[in-house]
């Protein structure tokens, strides 16, 4: 039960970091801070286990099992 609650809390925390786009129309003019948008898919492995959190690497908390997420392949 606690593992599920921690997984849900972690998912909510990760989703709350995404900000919605309020200005979704670009001006078409190139330049720094001119309104142009760039879309970059970023995949970061995150491991949450017990009291340890690892963003890149391993959390050395001694947990067994767990879930793995693989980056989508766009070939």
PDB file of N, CA and C in Angstrom:
ATOM      1  N   UNK A   1       0.824  -1.191   0.000  1.00  0.00           N
ATOM      2  CA  UNK A   1       0.000   0.000   0.000  1.00  0.00           C
ATOM      3  C   UNK A   1       0.866   1.253   0.000  1.00  0.00           C
ATOM      4  N   UNK A   2       1.931   1.244   0.821  1.00  0.00           N
ATOM      5  CA  UNK A   2       2.816   2.402   0.898  1.00  0.00           C
ATOM      6  C   UNK A   2       3.581   2.587  -0.411  1.00  0.00           C
ATOM      7  N   UNK A   3       3.965   1.466  -1.053  1.00  0.00           N
ATOM      8  CA  UNK A   3       4.685   1.562  -2.324  1.00  0.00           C
ATOM      9  C   UNK A   3       3.802   2.186  -3.398  1.00  0.00           C
ATOM     10  N   UNK A   4       2.525   1.805  -3.415  1.00  0.00           N
ATOM     11  CA  UNK A   4       1.605   2.379  -4.400  1.00  0.00           C
ATOM     12  C   UNK A   4       1.400   3.865  -4.138  1.00  0.00           C
ATOM     13  N   UNK A   5       1.272   4.231  -2.872  1.00  0.00           N
ATOM     14  CA  UNK A   5       1.086   5.640  -2.525  1.00  0.00           C
ATOM     15  C   UNK A   5       2.312   6.457  -2.920  1.00  0.00           C
ATOM     16  N   UNK A   6       3.505   5.904  -2.704  1.00  0.00           N
ATOM     17  CA  UNK A   6       4.732   6.601  -3.085  1.00  0.00           C
ATOM     18  C   UNK A   6       4.840   6.714  -4.605  1.00  0.00           C
ATOM     19  N   UNK A   7       4.423   5.669  -5.326  1.00  0.00           N
ATOM     20  CA  UNK A   7       4.463   5.709  -6.787  1.00  0.00           C
ATOM     21  C   UNK A   7       3.504   6.766  -7.324  1.00  0.00           C
ATOM     22  N   UNK A   8       2.308   6.839  -6.751  1.00  0.00           N
ATOM     23  CA  UNK A   8       1.331   7.841  -7.176  1.00  0.00           C
ATOM     24  C   UNK A   8       1.830   9.238  -6.833  1.00  0.00           C
ATOM     25  N   UNK A   9       2.397   9.406  -5.643  1.00  0.00           N
ATOM     26  CA  UNK A   9       2.925  10.713  -5.247  1.00  0.00           C
ATOM     27  C   UNK A   9       4.065  11.136  -6.167  1.00  0.00           C
ATOM     28  N   UNK A  10       4.917  10.199  -6.552  1.00  0.00           N
ATOM     29  CA  UNK A  10       6.009  10.510  -7.474  1.00  0.00           C
ATOM     30  C   UNK A  10       5.499  10.897  -8.850  1.00  0.00           C
ATOM     31  N   UNK A  11       4.478  10.183  -9.334  1.00  0.00           N
ATOM     32  CA  UNK A  11       3.902  10.501 -10.642  1.00  0.00           C
ATOM     33  C   UNK A  11       3.243  11.874 -10.630  1.00  0.00           C
ATOM     34  N   UNK A  12       2.533  12.188  -9.562  1.00  0.00           N
ATOM     35  CA  UNK A  12       1.890  13.501  -9.448  1.00  0.00           C
ATOM     36  C   UNK A  12       2.943  14.596  -9.387  1.00  0.00           C
ATOM     37  N   UNK A  13       4.032  14.351  -8.662  1.00  0.00           N
ATOM     38  CA  UNK A  13       5.104  15.345  -8.566  1.00  0.00           C
ATOM     39  C   UNK A  13       5.746  15.588  -9.924  1.00  0.00           C
ATOM     40  N   UNK A  14       5.983  14.526 -10.695  1.00  0.00           N
ATOM     41  CA  UNK A  14       6.596  14.680 -12.014  1.00  0.00           C
ATOM     42  C   UNK A  14       5.657  15.410 -12.978  1.00  0.00           C
ATOM     43  N   UNK A  15       4.362  15.097 -12.924  1.00  0.00           N
ATOM     44  CA  UNK A  15       3.413  15.746 -13.821  1.00  0.00           C
ATOM     45  C   UNK A  15       3.163  17.200 -13.438  1.00  0.00           C
ATOM     46  N   UNK A  16       3.341  17.543 -12.174  1.00  0.00           N
ATOM     47  CA  UNK A  16       3.109  18.921 -11.756  1.00  0.00           C
ATOM     48  C   UNK A  16       4.230  19.843 -12.213  1.00  0.00           C
ATOM     49  N   UNK A  17       5.370  19.276 -12.644  1.00  0.00           N
ATOM     50  CA  UNK A  17       6.470  20.098 -13.133  1.00  0.00           C
ATOM     51  C   UNK A  17       6.230  20.607 -14.551  1.00  0.00           C
ATOM     52  N   UNK A  18       5.317  19.994 -15.279  1.00  0.00           N
ATOM     53  CA  UNK A  18       5.043  20.405 -16.655  1.00  0.00           C
ATOM     54  C   UNK A  18       4.119  21.621 -16.644  1.00  0.00           C
ATOM     55  N   UNK A  19       4.548  22.681 -17.296  1.00  0.00           N
ATOM     56  CA  UNK A  19       3.748  23.907 -17.347  1.00  0.00           C
ATOM     57  C   UNK A  19       2.984  23.967 -18.668  1.00  0.00           C
ATOM     58  N   UNK A  20       1.734  24.391 -18.634  1.00  0.00           N
ATOM     59  CA  UNK A  20       0.973  24.503 -19.883  1.00  0.00           C
ATOM     60  C   UNK A  20       1.461  25.688 -20.725  1.00  0.00           C
ATOM     61  N   UNK A  21       1.252  25.625 -22.027  1.00  0.00           N
ATOM     62  CA  UNK A  21       1.647  26.707 -22.928  1.00  0.00           C
ATOM     63  C   UNK A  21       0.508  27.718 -23.029  1.00  0.00           C
ATOM     64  N   UNK A  22       0.727  28.914 -22.518  1.00  0.00           N
ATOM     65  CA  UNK A  22      -0.297  29.953 -22.594  1.00  0.00           C
ATOM     66  C   UNK A  22      -0.154  30.766 -23.880  1.00  0.00           C
ATOM     67  N   UNK A  23       1.062  30.852 -24.421  1.00  0.00           N
ATOM     68  CA  UNK A  23       1.303  31.570 -25.669  1.00  0.00           C
ATOM     69  C   UNK A  23       1.778  30.550 -26.693  1.00  0.00           C
ATOM     70  N   UNK A  24       0.840  29.884 -27.352  1.00  0.00           N
ATOM     71  CA  UNK A  24       1.205  28.798 -28.252  1.00  0.00           C
ATOM     72  C   UNK A  24       1.332  29.231 -29.708  1.00  0.00           C
ATOM     73  N   UNK A  25       1.411  30.531 -29.975  1.00  0.00           N
ATOM     74  CA  UNK A  25       1.589  31.033 -31.332  1.00  0.00           C
ATOM     75  C   UNK A  25       2.923  31.765 -31.392  1.00  0.00           C
ATOM     76  N   UNK A  26       3.741  31.437 -32.396  1.00  0.00           N
ATOM     77  CA  UNK A  26       5.042  32.094 -32.522  1.00  0.00           C
ATOM     78  C   UNK A  26       4.947  33.267 -33.482  1.00  0.00           C
ATOM     79  N   UNK A  27       5.903  34.190 -33.375  1.00  0.00           N
ATOM     80  CA  UNK A  27       5.923  35.375 -34.229  1.00  0.00           C
ATOM     81  C   UNK A  27       6.553  35.113 -35.582  1.00  0.00           C
ATOM     82  N   UNK A  28       7.354  34.045 -35.703  1.00  0.00           N
ATOM     83  CA  UNK A  28       8.028  33.744 -36.953  1.00  0.00           C
ATOM     84  C   UNK A  28       9.352  34.469 -37.104  1.00  0.00           C
ATOM     85  N   UNK A  29       9.663  35.394 -36.213  1.00  0.00           N
ATOM     86  CA  UNK A  29      10.921  36.128 -36.264  1.00  0.00           C
ATOM     87  C   UNK A  29      11.964  35.382 -35.448  1.00  0.00           C
ATOM     88  N   UNK A  30      13.135  35.178 -36.045  1.00  0.00           N
ATOM     89  CA  UNK A  30      14.196  34.483 -35.329  1.00  0.00           C
ATOM     90  C   UNK A  30      14.911  35.416 -34.363  1.00  0.00           C
ATOM     91  N   UNK A  31      15.384  34.882 -33.281  1.00  0.00           N
ATOM     92  CA  UNK A  31      16.130  35.681 -32.315  1.00  0.00           C
ATOM     93  C   UNK A  31      15.948  35.143 -30.918  1.00  0.00           C
ATOM     94  N   UNK A  32      16.740  35.650 -30.017  1.00  0.00           N
ATOM     95  CA  UNK A  32      16.656  35.225 -28.621  1.00  0.00           C
ATOM     96  C   UNK A  32      15.418  35.856 -27.989  1.00  0.00           C
ATOM     97  N   UNK A  33      14.599  35.049 -27.350  1.00  0.00           N
ATOM     98  CA  UNK A  33      13.373  35.481 -26.668  1.00  0.00           C
ATOM     99  C   UNK A  33      12.405  36.180 -27.622  1.00  0.00           C
ATOM    100  N   UNK A  34      12.324  35.717 -28.881  1.00  0.00           N
ATOM    101  CA  UNK A  34      11.425  36.352 -29.843  1.00  0.00           C
ATOM    102  C   UNK A  34      10.094  35.629 -29.976  1.00  0.00           C
ATOM    103  N   UNK A  35       9.893  34.556 -29.234  1.00  0.00           N
ATOM    104  CA  UNK A  35       8.623  33.859 -29.278  1.00  0.00           C
ATOM    105  C   UNK A  35       8.649  32.560 -30.044  1.00  0.00           C
ATOM    106  N   UNK A  36       9.769  32.192 -30.604  1.00  0.00           N
ATOM    107  CA  UNK A  36       9.853  30.922 -31.325  1.00  0.00           C
ATOM    108  C   UNK A  36       9.873  29.772 -30.338  1.00  0.00           C
ATOM    109  N   UNK A  37       9.253  28.663 -30.741  1.00  0.00           N
ATOM    110  CA  UNK A  37       9.170  27.510 -29.857  1.00  0.00           C
ATOM    111  C   UNK A  37       9.988  26.371 -30.414  1.00  0.00           C
ATOM    112  N   UNK A  38      10.513  25.566 -29.532  1.00  0.00           N
ATOM    113  CA  UNK A  38      11.314  24.412 -29.902  1.00  0.00           C
ATOM    114  C   UNK A  38      10.822  23.226 -29.100  1.00  0.00           C
ATOM    115  N   UNK A  39      10.570  22.116 -29.773  1.00  0.00           N
ATOM    116  CA  UNK A  39      10.084  20.908 -29.103  1.00  0.00           C
ATOM    117  C   UNK A  39      11.205  19.886 -29.080  1.00  0.00           C
ATOM    118  N   UNK A  40      11.655  19.512 -27.888  1.00  0.00           N
ATOM    119  CA  UNK A  40      12.694  18.505 -27.724  1.00  0.00           C
ATOM    120  C   UNK A  40      12.189  17.412 -26.793  1.00  0.00           C
ATOM    121  N   UNK A  41      12.023  16.195 -27.304  1.00  0.00           N
ATOM    122  CA  UNK A  41      11.643  15.099 -26.396  1.00  0.00           C
ATOM    123  C   UNK A  41      12.833  14.724 -25.516  1.00  0.00           C
ATOM    124  N   UNK A  42      12.636  14.749 -24.222  1.00  0.00           N
ATOM    125  CA  UNK A  42      13.702  14.442 -23.269  1.00  0.00           C
ATOM    126  C   UNK A  42      13.258  13.262 -22.421  1.00  0.00           C
ATOM    127  N   UNK A  43      14.097  12.248 -22.351  1.00  0.00           N
ATOM    128  CA  UNK A  43      13.824  11.065 -21.543  1.00  0.00           C
ATOM    129  C   UNK A  43      14.908  10.976 -20.478  1.00  0.00           C
ATOM    130  N   UNK A  44      14.512  11.001 -19.205  1.00  0.00           N
ATOM    131  CA  UNK A  44      15.455  10.924 -18.093  1.00  0.00           C
ATOM    132  C   UNK A  44      15.060   9.743 -17.217  1.00  0.00           C
ATOM    133  N   UNK A  45      15.983   8.804 -17.003  1.00  0.00           N
ATOM    134  CA  UNK A  45      15.660   7.686 -16.109  1.00  0.00           C
ATOM    135  C   UNK A  45      15.598   8.153 -14.655  1.00  0.00           C
ATOM    136  N   UNK A  46      14.483   7.878 -13.990  1.00  0.00           N
ATOM    137  CA  UNK A  46      14.306   8.262 -12.590  1.00  0.00           C
ATOM    138  C   UNK A  46      14.007   7.005 -11.789  1.00  0.00           C
ATOM    139  N   UNK A  47      14.719   6.817 -10.706  1.00  0.00           N
ATOM    140  CA  UNK A  47      14.538   5.655  -9.844  1.00  0.00           C
ATOM    141  C   UNK A  47      14.206   6.153  -8.442  1.00  0.00           C
ATOM    142  N   UNK A  48      13.026   5.801  -7.928  1.00  0.00           N
ATOM    143  CA  UNK A  48      12.617   6.179  -6.580  1.00  0.00           C
ATOM    144  C   UNK A  48      12.469   4.904  -5.780  1.00  0.00           C
ATOM    145  N   UNK A  49      13.207   4.808  -4.682  1.00  0.00           N
ATOM    146  CA  UNK A  49      13.218   3.576  -3.903  1.00  0.00           C
ATOM    147  C   UNK A  49      13.406   3.913  -2.431  1.00  0.00           C
ATOM    148  N   UNK A  50      12.431   3.625  -1.617  1.00  0.00           N
ATOM    149  CA  UNK A  50      12.555   3.898  -0.183  1.00  0.00           C
ATOM    150  C   UNK A  50      12.760   5.380   0.066  1.00  0.00           C
ATOM    151  N   UNK A  51      13.849   5.729   0.739  1.00  0.00           N
ATOM    152  CA  UNK A  51      14.174   7.125   0.996  1.00  0.00           C
ATOM    153  C   UNK A  51      15.203   7.663   0.017  1.00  0.00           C
ATOM    154  N   UNK A  52      15.578   6.887  -0.998  1.00  0.00           N
ATOM    155  CA  UNK A  52      16.594   7.303  -1.959  1.00  0.00           C
ATOM    156  C   UNK A  52      15.946   7.636  -3.296  1.00  0.00           C
ATOM    157  N   UNK A  53      16.441   8.680  -3.931  1.00  0.00           N
ATOM    158  CA  UNK A  53      15.972   9.076  -5.253  1.00  0.00           C
ATOM    159  C   UNK A  53      17.194   9.251  -6.138  1.00  0.00           C
ATOM    160  N   UNK A  54      17.180   8.632  -7.312  1.00  0.00           N
ATOM    161  CA  UNK A  54      18.280   8.773  -8.260  1.00  0.00           C
ATOM    162  C   UNK A  54      17.723   9.268  -9.581  1.00  0.00           C
ATOM    163  N   UNK A  55      18.224  10.379 -10.065  1.00  0.00           N
ATOM    164  CA  UNK A  55      17.758  10.904 -11.342  1.00  0.00           C
ATOM    165  C   UNK A  55      18.503  10.228 -12.479  1.00  0.00           C
ATOM    166  N   UNK A  56      19.812  10.175 -12.411  1.00  0.00           N
ATOM    167  CA  UNK A  56      20.611   9.441 -13.386  1.00  0.00           C
ATOM    168  C   UNK A  56      21.564   8.571 -12.584  1.00  0.00           C
ATOM    169  N   UNK A  57      21.403   7.269 -12.685  1.00  0.00           N
ATOM    170  CA  UNK A  57      22.233   6.358 -11.906  1.00  0.00           C
ATOM    171  C   UNK A  57      21.364   5.454 -11.068  1.00  0.00           C
ATOM    172  N   UNK A  58      21.927   4.927 -10.004  1.00  0.00           N
ATOM    173  CA  UNK A  58      21.195   3.986  -9.168  1.00  0.00           C
ATOM    174  C   UNK A  58      20.970   4.520  -7.769  1.00  0.00           C
ATOM    175  N   UNK A  59      19.788   4.255  -7.235  1.00  0.00           N
ATOM    176  CA  UNK A  59      19.498   4.588  -5.844  1.00  0.00           C
ATOM    177  C   UNK A  59      19.915   3.395  -5.004  1.00  0.00           C
ATOM    178  N   UNK A  60      20.863   3.568  -4.142  1.00  0.00           N
ATOM    179  CA  UNK A  60      21.423   2.460  -3.374  1.00  0.00           C
ATOM    180  C   UNK A  60      20.661   2.256  -2.069  1.00  0.00           C
ATOM    181  N   UNK A  61      19.363   2.009  -2.160  1.00  0.00           N
ATOM    182  CA  UNK A  61      18.543   1.821  -0.974  1.00  0.00           C
ATOM    183  C   UNK A  61      18.230   0.355  -0.716  1.00  0.00           C
ATOM    184  N   UNK A  62      18.658  -0.534  -1.579  1.00  0.00           N
ATOM    185  CA  UNK A  62      18.456  -1.959  -1.366  1.00  0.00           C
ATOM    186  C   UNK A  62      17.062  -2.460  -1.684  1.00  0.00           C
ATOM    187  N   UNK A  63      16.328  -1.823  -2.551  1.00  0.00           N
ATOM    188  CA  UNK A  63      14.995  -2.284  -2.932  1.00  0.00           C
ATOM    189  C   UNK A  63      15.112  -3.376  -3.987  1.00  0.00           C
ATOM    190  N   UNK A  64      14.178  -4.300  -3.962  1.00  0.00           N
ATOM    191  CA  UNK A  64      14.165  -5.387  -4.932  1.00  0.00           C
ATOM    192  C   UNK A  64      12.935  -5.255  -5.810  1.00  0.00           C
ATOM    193  N   UNK A  65      13.075  -5.703  -7.034  1.00  0.00           N
ATOM    194  CA  UNK A  65      11.953  -5.607  -7.963  1.00  0.00           C
ATOM    195  C   UNK A  65      11.868  -4.215  -8.530  1.00  0.00           C
ATOM    196  N   UNK A  66      10.675  -3.781  -8.817  1.00  0.00           N
ATOM    197  CA  UNK A  66      10.488  -2.445  -9.360  1.00  0.00           C
ATOM    198  C   UNK A  66      10.042  -2.491 -10.802  1.00  0.00           C
ATOM    199  N   UNK A  67       9.877  -1.338 -11.369  1.00  0.00           N
ATOM    200  CA  UNK A  67       9.421  -1.220 -12.749  1.00  0.00           C
ATOM    201  C   UNK A  67      10.479  -0.505 -13.567  1.00  0.00           C
ATOM    202  N   UNK A  68      10.499  -0.796 -14.854  1.00  0.00           N
ATOM    203  CA  UNK A  68      11.446  -0.166 -15.748  1.00  0.00           C
ATOM    204  C   UNK A  68      10.678   0.509 -16.874  1.00  0.00           C
ATOM    205  N   UNK A  69      11.131   1.681 -17.287  1.00  0.00           N
ATOM    206  CA  UNK A  69      10.533   2.393 -18.412  1.00  0.00           C
ATOM    207  C   UNK A  69      11.585   2.549 -19.490  1.00  0.00           C
ATOM    208  N   UNK A  70      11.209   2.247 -20.715  1.00  0.00           N
ATOM    209  CA  UNK A  70      12.131   2.360 -21.835  1.00  0.00           C
ATOM    210  C   UNK A  70      11.699   3.519 -22.719  1.00  0.00           C
ATOM    211  N   UNK A  71      12.677   4.221 -23.283  1.00  0.00           N
ATOM    212  CA  UNK A  71      12.390   5.343 -24.168  1.00  0.00           C
ATOM    213  C   UNK A  71      11.707   4.836 -25.432  1.00  0.00           C
ATOM    214  N   UNK A  72      10.705   5.565 -25.919  1.00  0.00           N
ATOM    215  CA  UNK A  72      10.037   5.138 -27.150  1.00  0.00           C
ATOM    216  C   UNK A  72      10.983   5.253 -28.338  1.00  0.00           C
ATOM    217  N   UNK A  73      10.876   4.326 -29.250  1.00  0.00           N
ATOM    218  CA  UNK A  73      11.720   4.302 -30.441  1.00  0.00           C
ATOM    219  C   UNK A  73      10.946   4.868 -31.619  1.00  0.00           C
ATOM    220  N   UNK A  74      11.494   5.881 -32.277  1.00  0.00           N
ATOM    221  CA  UNK A  74      10.827   6.520 -33.421  1.00  0.00           C
ATOM    222  C   UNK A  74      11.601   6.231 -34.699  1.00  0.00           C
ATOM    223  N   UNK A  75      11.840   4.956 -35.014  1.00  0.00           N
ATOM    224  CA  UNK A  75      12.629   4.600 -36.203  1.00  0.00           C
ATOM    225  C   UNK A  75      11.728   4.415 -37.369  1.00  0.00           C
TER     226      UNK A  75
END
